[in-house]
């Protein structure tokens, strides 16, 4: 078994979204691009909501407070999609329609 050991914790520097992608530029100049379908809350958010993000700590995670969405950079690098259950997502989506 091979174990990956990181030399340094990956840190986000900037975040951009399009209608279909989440783009994260890392402090070490790498760029991660993943489909928004991996994160349904971002996919269903308005462009304004997607643009309202902040980095946590030194950039170990990204938070969208208005959407109650948090994405860790290590998980993003590992290819982890949202772990939210369909039932939880549907409750969240319904609460948005009521607002």
PDB file of N, CA and C in Angstrom:
ATOM      1  N   UNK A   1       0.842  -1.186   0.000  1.00  0.00           N
ATOM      2  CA  UNK A   1       0.000   0.000   0.000  1.00  0.00           C
ATOM      3  C   UNK A   1       0.884   1.246   0.000  1.00  0.00           C
ATOM      4  N   UNK A   2       0.515   2.201  -0.807  1.00  0.00           N
ATOM      5  CA  UNK A   2       1.256   3.460  -0.908  1.00  0.00           C
ATOM      6  C   UNK A   2       0.502   4.524  -0.120  1.00  0.00           C
ATOM      7  N   UNK A   3       1.224   5.256   0.699  1.00  0.00           N
ATOM      8  CA  UNK A   3       0.642   6.344   1.472  1.00  0.00           C
ATOM      9  C   UNK A   3       1.215   7.660   0.974  1.00  0.00           C
ATOM     10  N   UNK A   4       0.344   8.573   0.674  1.00  0.00           N
ATOM     11  CA  UNK A   4       0.763   9.890   0.213  1.00  0.00           C
ATOM     12  C   UNK A   4       1.039  10.777   1.412  1.00  0.00           C
ATOM     13  N   UNK A   5       2.209  11.378   1.430  1.00  0.00           N
ATOM     14  CA  UNK A   5       2.559  12.320   2.489  1.00  0.00           C
ATOM     15  C   UNK A   5       2.759  13.679   1.834  1.00  0.00           C
ATOM     16  N   UNK A   6       1.983  14.657   2.271  1.00  0.00           N
ATOM     17  CA  UNK A   6       2.093  16.002   1.712  1.00  0.00           C
ATOM     18  C   UNK A   6       3.261  16.737   2.345  1.00  0.00           C
ATOM     19  N   UNK A   7       4.045  17.415   1.522  1.00  0.00           N
ATOM     20  CA  UNK A   7       5.151  18.204   2.043  1.00  0.00           C
ATOM     21  C   UNK A   7       4.656  19.471   2.716  1.00  0.00           C
ATOM     22  N   UNK A   8       3.560  19.981   2.225  1.00  0.00           N
ATOM     23  CA  UNK A   8       2.951  21.182   2.802  1.00  0.00           C
ATOM     24  C   UNK A   8       1.451  21.094   2.591  1.00  0.00           C
ATOM     25  N   UNK A   9       0.704  21.617   3.530  1.00  0.00           N
ATOM     26  CA  UNK A   9      -0.755  21.615   3.390  1.00  0.00           C
ATOM     27  C   UNK A   9      -1.144  22.520   2.227  1.00  0.00           C
ATOM     28  N   UNK A  10      -1.952  22.017   1.289  1.00  0.00           N
ATOM     29  CA  UNK A  10      -2.357  22.865   0.163  1.00  0.00           C
ATOM     30  C   UNK A  10      -3.234  24.019   0.631  1.00  0.00           C
ATOM     31  N   UNK A  11      -3.025  25.171   0.042  1.00  0.00           N
ATOM     32  CA  UNK A  11      -3.769  26.365   0.435  1.00  0.00           C
ATOM     33  C   UNK A  11      -4.359  27.047  -0.788  1.00  0.00           C
ATOM     34  N   UNK A  12      -5.630  27.376  -0.691  1.00  0.00           N
ATOM     35  CA  UNK A  12      -6.294  28.130  -1.752  1.00  0.00           C
ATOM     36  C   UNK A  12      -5.863  29.589  -1.676  1.00  0.00           C
ATOM     37  N   UNK A  13      -5.759  30.212  -2.836  1.00  0.00           N
ATOM     38  CA  UNK A  13      -5.443  31.638  -2.899  1.00  0.00           C
ATOM     39  C   UNK A  13      -6.637  32.415  -3.437  1.00  0.00           C
ATOM     40  N   UNK A  14      -7.232  31.919  -4.527  1.00  0.00           N
ATOM     41  CA  UNK A  14      -8.398  32.575  -5.108  1.00  0.00           C
ATOM     42  C   UNK A  14      -9.394  31.514  -5.582  1.00  0.00           C
ATOM     43  N   UNK A  15     -10.632  31.947  -5.688  1.00  0.00           N
ATOM     44  CA  UNK A  15     -11.719  31.061  -6.109  1.00  0.00           C
ATOM     45  C   UNK A  15     -12.527  31.783  -7.176  1.00  0.00           C
ATOM     46  N   UNK A  16     -12.851  31.067  -8.230  1.00  0.00           N
ATOM     47  CA  UNK A  16     -13.684  31.587  -9.303  1.00  0.00           C
ATOM     48  C   UNK A  16     -14.700  30.515  -9.652  1.00  0.00           C
ATOM     49  N   UNK A  17     -15.872  30.944 -10.063  1.00  0.00           N
ATOM     50  CA  UNK A  17     -16.851  29.984 -10.561  1.00  0.00           C
ATOM     51  C   UNK A  17     -17.391  30.468 -11.897  1.00  0.00           C
ATOM     52  N   UNK A  18     -17.783  29.495 -12.693  1.00  0.00           N
ATOM     53  CA  UNK A  18     -18.519  29.779 -13.917  1.00  0.00           C
ATOM     54  C   UNK A  18     -19.884  29.116 -13.733  1.00  0.00           C
ATOM     55  N   UNK A  19     -20.660  29.053 -14.761  1.00  0.00           N
ATOM     56  CA  UNK A  19     -21.958  28.371 -14.665  1.00  0.00           C
ATOM     57  C   UNK A  19     -21.790  26.870 -14.459  1.00  0.00           C
ATOM     58  N   UNK A  20     -20.610  26.345 -14.813  1.00  0.00           N
ATOM     59  CA  UNK A  20     -20.417  24.894 -14.767  1.00  0.00           C
ATOM     60  C   UNK A  20     -19.195  24.432 -13.985  1.00  0.00           C
ATOM     61  N   UNK A  21     -18.317  25.357 -13.565  1.00  0.00           N
ATOM     62  CA  UNK A  21     -17.062  24.945 -12.944  1.00  0.00           C
ATOM     63  C   UNK A  21     -16.730  25.728 -11.683  1.00  0.00           C
ATOM     64  N   UNK A  22     -16.034  25.037 -10.789  1.00  0.00           N
ATOM     65  CA  UNK A  22     -15.395  25.650  -9.633  1.00  0.00           C
ATOM     66  C   UNK A  22     -13.902  25.644  -9.941  1.00  0.00           C
ATOM     67  N   UNK A  23     -13.286  26.813  -9.880  1.00  0.00           N
ATOM     68  CA  UNK A  23     -11.864  26.958 -10.207  1.00  0.00           C
ATOM     69  C   UNK A  23     -11.159  27.508  -8.978  1.00  0.00           C
ATOM     70  N   UNK A  24     -10.186  26.758  -8.492  1.00  0.00           N
ATOM     71  CA  UNK A  24      -9.451  27.165  -7.292  1.00  0.00           C
ATOM     72  C   UNK A  24      -7.976  27.278  -7.649  1.00  0.00           C
ATOM     73  N   UNK A  25      -7.433  28.470  -7.490  1.00  0.00           N
ATOM     74  CA  UNK A  25      -6.005  28.685  -7.675  1.00  0.00           C
ATOM     75  C   UNK A  25      -5.336  28.509  -6.317  1.00  0.00           C
ATOM     76  N   UNK A  26      -4.337  27.628  -6.282  1.00  0.00           N
ATOM     77  CA  UNK A  26      -3.628  27.357  -5.041  1.00  0.00           C
ATOM     78  C   UNK A  26      -2.449  28.300  -4.862  1.00  0.00           C
ATOM     79  N   UNK A  27      -2.011  28.436  -3.630  1.00  0.00           N
ATOM     80  CA  UNK A  27      -0.890  29.319  -3.315  1.00  0.00           C
ATOM     81  C   UNK A  27       0.390  28.879  -4.024  1.00  0.00           C
ATOM     82  N   UNK A  28       0.511  27.584  -4.349  1.00  0.00           N
ATOM     83  CA  UNK A  28       1.719  27.090  -5.026  1.00  0.00           C
ATOM     84  C   UNK A  28       1.603  27.152  -6.552  1.00  0.00           C
ATOM     85  N   UNK A  29       0.616  27.887  -7.048  1.00  0.00           N
ATOM     86  CA  UNK A  29       0.394  28.178  -8.465  1.00  0.00           C
ATOM     87  C   UNK A  29      -0.282  27.060  -9.252  1.00  0.00           C
ATOM     88  N   UNK A  30      -0.732  25.997  -8.580  1.00  0.00           N
ATOM     89  CA  UNK A  30      -1.542  25.001  -9.273  1.00  0.00           C
ATOM     90  C   UNK A  30      -2.965  25.512  -9.366  1.00  0.00           C
ATOM     91  N   UNK A  31      -3.706  24.972 -10.316  1.00  0.00           N
ATOM     92  CA  UNK A  31      -5.113  25.337 -10.503  1.00  0.00           C
ATOM     93  C   UNK A  31      -5.936  24.053 -10.515  1.00  0.00           C
ATOM     94  N   UNK A  32      -6.993  24.052  -9.716  1.00  0.00           N
ATOM     95  CA  UNK A  32      -7.932  22.937  -9.680  1.00  0.00           C
ATOM     96  C   UNK A  32      -9.219  23.380 -10.356  1.00  0.00           C
ATOM     97  N   UNK A  33      -9.733  22.556 -11.245  1.00  0.00           N
ATOM     98  CA  UNK A  33     -10.992  22.845 -11.921  1.00  0.00           C
ATOM     99  C   UNK A  33     -11.860  21.606 -11.781  1.00  0.00           C
ATOM    100  N   UNK A  34     -13.018  21.776 -11.147  1.00  0.00           N
ATOM    101  CA  UNK A  34     -13.942  20.657 -10.982  1.00  0.00           C
ATOM    102  C   UNK A  34     -15.338  21.110 -11.406  1.00  0.00           C
ATOM    103  N   UNK A  35     -16.178  20.164 -11.822  1.00  0.00           N
ATOM    104  CA  UNK A  35     -17.536  20.546 -12.232  1.00  0.00           C
ATOM    105  C   UNK A  35     -18.396  20.934 -11.026  1.00  0.00           C
ATOM    106  N   UNK A  36     -19.235  21.932 -11.220  1.00  0.00           N
ATOM    107  CA  UNK A  36     -20.151  22.335 -10.144  1.00  0.00           C
ATOM    108  C   UNK A  36     -21.127  21.222  -9.781  1.00  0.00           C
ATOM    109  N   UNK A  37     -21.324  20.269 -10.672  1.00  0.00           N
ATOM    110  CA  UNK A  37     -22.207  19.149 -10.345  1.00  0.00           C
ATOM    111  C   UNK A  37     -21.690  18.365  -9.142  1.00  0.00           C
ATOM    112  N   UNK A  38     -20.412  18.497  -8.813  1.00  0.00           N
ATOM    113  CA  UNK A  38     -19.861  17.855  -7.619  1.00  0.00           C
ATOM    114  C   UNK A  38     -20.394  18.504  -6.344  1.00  0.00           C
ATOM    115  N   UNK A  39     -20.837  19.745  -6.439  1.00  0.00           N
ATOM    116  CA  UNK A  39     -21.299  20.510  -5.276  1.00  0.00           C
ATOM    117  C   UNK A  39     -22.652  21.135  -5.608  1.00  0.00           C
ATOM    118  N   UNK A  40     -23.744  20.390  -5.410  1.00  0.00           N
ATOM    119  CA  UNK A  40     -25.075  20.849  -5.822  1.00  0.00           C
ATOM    120  C   UNK A  40     -25.490  22.205  -5.259  1.00  0.00           C
ATOM    121  N   UNK A  41     -25.052  22.531  -4.059  1.00  0.00           N
ATOM    122  CA  UNK A  41     -25.430  23.852  -3.519  1.00  0.00           C
ATOM    123  C   UNK A  41     -24.832  24.965  -4.362  1.00  0.00           C
ATOM    124  N   UNK A  42     -23.599  24.788  -4.803  1.00  0.00           N
ATOM    125  CA  UNK A  42     -22.988  25.793  -5.680  1.00  0.00           C
ATOM    126  C   UNK A  42     -23.661  25.803  -7.042  1.00  0.00           C
ATOM    127  N   UNK A  43     -24.001  24.634  -7.536  1.00  0.00           N
ATOM    128  CA  UNK A  43     -24.660  24.533  -8.834  1.00  0.00           C
ATOM    129  C   UNK A  43     -25.991  25.277  -8.848  1.00  0.00           C
ATOM    130  N   UNK A  44     -26.727  25.220  -7.750  1.00  0.00           N
ATOM    131  CA  UNK A  44     -28.044  25.852  -7.670  1.00  0.00           C
ATOM    132  C   UNK A  44     -27.996  27.279  -7.124  1.00  0.00           C
ATOM    133  N   UNK A  45     -26.817  27.789  -6.857  1.00  0.00           N
ATOM    134  CA  UNK A  45     -26.670  29.145  -6.342  1.00  0.00           C
ATOM    135  C   UNK A  45     -26.637  30.158  -7.480  1.00  0.00           C
ATOM    136  N   UNK A  46     -26.944  31.387  -7.146  1.00  0.00           N
ATOM    137  CA  UNK A  46     -26.832  32.465  -8.134  1.00  0.00           C
ATOM    138  C   UNK A  46     -25.352  32.831  -8.296  1.00  0.00           C
ATOM    139  N   UNK A  47     -24.997  33.487  -9.394  1.00  0.00           N
ATOM    140  CA  UNK A  47     -23.610  33.941  -9.554  1.00  0.00           C
ATOM    141  C   UNK A  47     -23.157  34.833  -8.395  1.00  0.00           C
ATOM    142  N   UNK A  48     -24.052  35.648  -7.888  1.00  0.00           N
ATOM    143  CA  UNK A  48     -23.710  36.519  -6.757  1.00  0.00           C
ATOM    144  C   UNK A  48     -23.394  35.695  -5.518  1.00  0.00           C
ATOM    145  N   UNK A  49     -24.204  34.670  -5.256  1.00  0.00           N
ATOM    146  CA  UNK A  49     -23.954  33.807  -4.099  1.00  0.00           C
ATOM    147  C   UNK A  49     -22.648  33.041  -4.259  1.00  0.00           C
ATOM    148  N   UNK A  50     -22.375  32.553  -5.456  1.00  0.00           N
ATOM    149  CA  UNK A  50     -21.126  31.813  -5.684  1.00  0.00           C
ATOM    150  C   UNK A  50     -19.908  32.723  -5.530  1.00  0.00           C
ATOM    151  N   UNK A  51     -20.064  34.000  -5.830  1.00  0.00           N
ATOM    152  CA  UNK A  51     -18.948  34.938  -5.718  1.00  0.00           C
ATOM    153  C   UNK A  51     -18.694  35.375  -4.276  1.00  0.00           C
ATOM    154  N   UNK A  52     -19.612  35.072  -3.381  1.00  0.00           N
ATOM    155  CA  UNK A  52     -19.497  35.488  -1.979  1.00  0.00           C
ATOM    156  C   UNK A  52     -18.858  34.367  -1.154  1.00  0.00           C
ATOM    157  N   UNK A  53     -17.567  34.158  -1.338  1.00  0.00           N
ATOM    158  CA  UNK A  53     -16.826  33.128  -0.638  1.00  0.00           C
ATOM    159  C   UNK A  53     -15.766  33.757   0.242  1.00  0.00           C
ATOM    160  N   UNK A  54     -15.254  32.968   1.154  1.00  0.00           N
ATOM    161  CA  UNK A  54     -14.106  33.404   1.948  1.00  0.00           C
ATOM    162  C   UNK A  54     -13.240  32.192   2.245  1.00  0.00           C
ATOM    163  N   UNK A  55     -11.947  32.441   2.418  1.00  0.00           N
ATOM    164  CA  UNK A  55     -11.027  31.380   2.775  1.00  0.00           C
ATOM    165  C   UNK A  55     -11.018  31.223   4.282  1.00  0.00           C
ATOM    166  N   UNK A  56     -10.918  29.997   4.725  1.00  0.00           N
ATOM    167  CA  UNK A  56     -10.805  29.715   6.150  1.00  0.00           C
ATOM    168  C   UNK A  56      -9.334  29.486   6.489  1.00  0.00           C
ATOM    169  N   UNK A  57      -8.913  30.009   7.634  1.00  0.00           N
ATOM    170  CA  UNK A  57      -7.516  29.878   8.052  1.00  0.00           C
ATOM    171  C   UNK A  57      -6.586  30.450   7.009  1.00  0.00           C
ATOM    172  N   UNK A  58      -5.549  29.703   6.708  1.00  0.00           N
ATOM    173  CA  UNK A  58      -4.582  30.130   5.690  1.00  0.00           C
ATOM    174  C   UNK A  58      -4.975  29.668   4.297  1.00  0.00           C
ATOM    175  N   UNK A  59      -6.249  29.289   4.132  1.00  0.00           N
ATOM    176  CA  UNK A  59      -6.716  28.827   2.837  1.00  0.00           C
ATOM    177  C   UNK A  59      -6.899  27.323   2.783  1.00  0.00           C
ATOM    178  N   UNK A  60      -7.022  26.677   3.957  1.00  0.00           N
ATOM    179  CA  UNK A  60      -7.199  25.225   3.984  1.00  0.00           C
ATOM    180  C   UNK A  60      -8.592  24.817   3.514  1.00  0.00           C
ATOM    181  N   UNK A  61      -9.531  25.772   3.487  1.00  0.00           N
ATOM    182  CA  UNK A  61     -10.898  25.484   3.050  1.00  0.00           C
ATOM    183  C   UNK A  61     -11.539  26.759   2.515  1.00  0.00           C
ATOM    184  N   UNK A  62     -12.619  26.550   1.764  1.00  0.00           N
ATOM    185  CA  UNK A  62     -13.407  27.658   1.217  1.00  0.00           C
ATOM    186  C   UNK A  62     -14.794  27.569   1.827  1.00  0.00           C
ATOM    187  N   UNK A  63     -15.330  28.722   2.199  1.00  0.00           N
ATOM    188  CA  UNK A  63     -16.668  28.762   2.798  1.00  0.00           C
ATOM    189  C   UNK A  63     -17.557  29.722   2.006  1.00  0.00           C
ATOM    190  N   UNK A  64     -18.767  29.267   1.755  1.00  0.00           N
ATOM    191  CA  UNK A  64     -19.830  30.102   1.213  1.00  0.00           C
ATOM    192  C   UNK A  64     -20.878  30.177   2.307  1.00  0.00           C
ATOM    193  N   UNK A  65     -20.777  31.182   3.139  1.00  0.00           N
ATOM    194  CA  UNK A  65     -21.635  31.289   4.324  1.00  0.00           C
ATOM    195  C   UNK A  65     -23.118  31.325   3.949  1.00  0.00           C
ATOM    196  N   UNK A  66     -23.470  32.065   2.893  1.00  0.00           N
ATOM    197  CA  UNK A  66     -24.876  32.172   2.481  1.00  0.00           C
ATOM    198  C   UNK A  66     -25.464  30.834   2.046  1.00  0.00           C
ATOM    199  N   UNK A  67     -24.598  29.932   1.591  1.00  0.00           N
ATOM    200  CA  UNK A  67     -25.055  28.636   1.083  1.00  0.00           C
ATOM    201  C   UNK A  67     -24.830  27.506   2.086  1.00  0.00           C
ATOM    202  N   UNK A  68     -24.182  27.817   3.203  1.00  0.00           N
ATOM    203  CA  UNK A  68     -23.800  26.812   4.197  1.00  0.00           C
ATOM    204  C   UNK A  68     -22.988  25.703   3.529  1.00  0.00           C
ATOM    205  N   UNK A  69     -22.012  26.118   2.716  1.00  0.00           N
ATOM    206  CA  UNK A  69     -21.150  25.183   1.981  1.00  0.00           C
ATOM    207  C   UNK A  69     -19.705  25.422   2.377  1.00  0.00           C
ATOM    208  N   UNK A  70     -18.996  24.337   2.668  1.00  0.00           N
ATOM    209  CA  UNK A  70     -17.584  24.396   3.037  1.00  0.00           C
ATOM    210  C   UNK A  70     -16.861  23.295   2.267  1.00  0.00           C
ATOM    211  N   UNK A  71     -15.780  23.665   1.605  1.00  0.00           N
ATOM    212  CA  UNK A  71     -15.026  22.688   0.828  1.00  0.00           C
ATOM    213  C   UNK A  71     -13.563  22.759   1.257  1.00  0.00           C
ATOM    214  N   UNK A  72     -13.053  21.648   1.764  1.00  0.00           N
ATOM    215  CA  UNK A  72     -11.649  21.558   2.150  1.00  0.00           C
ATOM    216  C   UNK A  72     -10.768  21.343   0.926  1.00  0.00           C
ATOM    217  N   UNK A  73      -9.625  21.982   0.913  1.00  0.00           N
ATOM    218  CA  UNK A  73      -8.732  21.903  -0.242  1.00  0.00           C
ATOM    219  C   UNK A  73      -8.133  20.501  -0.376  1.00  0.00           C
ATOM    220  N   UNK A  74      -7.776  19.853   0.726  1.00  0.00           N
ATOM    221  CA  UNK A  74      -7.245  18.488   0.631  1.00  0.00           C
ATOM    222  C   UNK A  74      -8.278  17.554   0.003  1.00  0.00           C
ATOM    223  N   UNK A  75      -9.533  17.684   0.396  1.00  0.00           N
ATOM    224  CA  UNK A  75     -10.586  16.858  -0.182  1.00  0.00           C
ATOM    225  C   UNK A  75     -10.776  17.139  -1.661  1.00  0.00           C
ATOM    226  N   UNK A  76     -10.675  18.404  -2.017  1.00  0.00           N
ATOM    227  CA  UNK A  76     -10.796  18.789  -3.425  1.00  0.00           C
ATOM    228  C   UNK A  76      -9.671  18.154  -4.248  1.00  0.00           C
ATOM    229  N   UNK A  77      -8.456  18.206  -3.719  1.00  0.00           N
ATOM    230  CA  UNK A  77      -7.316  17.588  -4.390  1.00  0.00           C
ATOM    231  C   UNK A  77      -7.488  16.075  -4.516  1.00  0.00           C
ATOM    232  N   UNK A  78      -8.118  15.476  -3.525  1.00  0.00           N
ATOM    233  CA  UNK A  78      -8.324  14.024  -3.527  1.00  0.00           C
ATOM    234  C   UNK A  78      -9.490  13.607  -4.423  1.00  0.00           C
ATOM    235  N   UNK A  79     -10.217  14.586  -4.950  1.00  0.00           N
ATOM    236  CA  UNK A  79     -11.332  14.272  -5.840  1.00  0.00           C
ATOM    237  C   UNK A  79     -12.623  13.953  -5.125  1.00  0.00           C
ATOM    238  N   UNK A  80     -12.741  14.402  -3.876  1.00  0.00           N
ATOM    239  CA  UNK A  80     -13.966  14.146  -3.116  1.00  0.00           C
ATOM    240  C   UNK A  80     -15.079  15.088  -3.544  1.00  0.00           C
ATOM    241  N   UNK A  81     -16.212  14.513  -3.861  1.00  0.00           N
ATOM    242  CA  UNK A  81     -17.403  15.299  -4.186  1.00  0.00           C
ATOM    243  C   UNK A  81     -18.146  15.609  -2.895  1.00  0.00           C
ATOM    244  N   UNK A  82     -19.184  16.411  -2.988  1.00  0.00           N
ATOM    245  CA  UNK A  82     -20.006  16.708  -1.821  1.00  0.00           C
ATOM    246  C   UNK A  82     -20.500  15.404  -1.200  1.00  0.00           C
ATOM    247  N   UNK A  83     -20.428  15.344   0.107  1.00  0.00           N
ATOM    248  CA  UNK A  83     -20.907  14.163   0.817  1.00  0.00           C
ATOM    249  C   UNK A  83     -22.322  14.329   1.332  1.00  0.00           C
ATOM    250  N   UNK A  84     -22.975  15.415   0.942  1.00  0.00           N
ATOM    251  CA  UNK A  84     -24.325  15.686   1.430  1.00  0.00           C
ATOM    252  C   UNK A  84     -25.320  14.676   0.854  1.00  0.00           C
ATOM    253  N   UNK A  85     -26.195  14.190   1.707  1.00  0.00           N
ATOM    254  CA  UNK A  85     -27.204  13.242   1.239  1.00  0.00           C
ATOM    255  C   UNK A  85     -28.224  13.964   0.353  1.00  0.00           C
ATOM    256  N   UNK A  86     -28.869  13.210  -0.503  1.00  0.00           N
ATOM    257  CA  UNK A  86     -29.892  13.778  -1.374  1.00  0.00           C
ATOM    258  C   UNK A  86     -31.029  14.376  -0.554  1.00  0.00           C
ATOM    259  N   UNK A  87     -31.391  13.709   0.534  1.00  0.00           N
ATOM    260  CA  UNK A  87     -32.473  14.192   1.403  1.00  0.00           C
ATOM    261  C   UNK A  87     -32.107  15.551   2.019  1.00  0.00           C
ATOM    262  N   UNK A  88     -30.881  15.681   2.503  1.00  0.00           N
ATOM    263  CA  UNK A  88     -30.435  16.946   3.086  1.00  0.00           C
ATOM    264  C   UNK A  88     -30.418  18.047   2.031  1.00  0.00           C
ATOM    265  N   UNK A  89     -29.916  17.728   0.848  1.00  0.00           N
ATOM    266  CA  UNK A  89     -29.871  18.717  -0.220  1.00  0.00           C
ATOM    267  C   UNK A  89     -31.270  19.169  -0.605  1.00  0.00           C
ATOM    268  N   UNK A  90     -32.195  18.239  -0.718  1.00  0.00           N
ATOM    269  CA  UNK A  90     -33.573  18.602  -1.082  1.00  0.00           C
ATOM    270  C   UNK A  90     -34.222  19.481  -0.026  1.00  0.00           C
ATOM    271  N   UNK A  91     -33.940  19.236   1.255  1.00  0.00           N
ATOM    272  CA  UNK A  91     -34.448  20.110   2.320  1.00  0.00           C
ATOM    273  C   UNK A  91     -33.883  21.517   2.163  1.00  0.00           C
ATOM    274  N   UNK A  92     -32.576  21.591   1.897  1.00  0.00           N
ATOM    275  CA  UNK A  92     -31.931  22.887   1.709  1.00  0.00           C
ATOM    276  C   UNK A  92     -32.540  23.605   0.509  1.00  0.00           C
ATOM    277  N   UNK A  93     -32.716  22.896  -0.601  1.00  0.00           N
ATOM    278  CA  UNK A  93     -33.282  23.485  -1.801  1.00  0.00           C
ATOM    279  C   UNK A  93     -34.700  23.982  -1.556  1.00  0.00           C
ATOM    280  N   UNK A  94     -35.507  23.202  -0.829  1.00  0.00           N
ATOM    281  CA  UNK A  94     -36.879  23.610  -0.510  1.00  0.00           C
ATOM    282  C   UNK A  94     -36.884  24.866   0.362  1.00  0.00           C
ATOM    283  N   UNK A  95     -35.963  24.937   1.304  1.00  0.00           N
ATOM    284  CA  UNK A  95     -35.919  26.123   2.181  1.00  0.00           C
ATOM    285  C   UNK A  95     -35.582  27.379   1.392  1.00  0.00           C
ATOM    286  N   UNK A  96     -34.795  27.252   0.328  1.00  0.00           N
ATOM    287  CA  UNK A  96     -34.471  28.401  -0.534  1.00  0.00           C
ATOM    288  C   UNK A  96     -35.688  28.871  -1.307  1.00  0.00           C
ATOM    289  N   UNK A  97     -36.520  27.932  -1.743  1.00  0.00           N
ATOM    290  CA  UNK A  97     -37.710  28.291  -2.512  1.00  0.00           C
ATOM    291  C   UNK A  97     -38.715  29.020  -1.648  1.00  0.00           C
ATOM    292  N   UNK A  98     -38.716  28.714  -0.337  1.00  0.00           N
ATOM    293  CA  UNK A  98     -39.642  29.368   0.578  1.00  0.00           C
ATOM    294  C   UNK A  98     -39.215  30.784   0.919  1.00  0.00           C
ATOM    295  N   UNK A  99     -37.932  31.065   0.793  1.00  0.00           N
ATOM    296  CA  UNK A  99     -37.409  32.393   1.158  1.00  0.00           C
ATOM    297  C   UNK A  99     -37.758  33.441   0.120  1.00  0.00           C
TER     298      UNK A  99
END
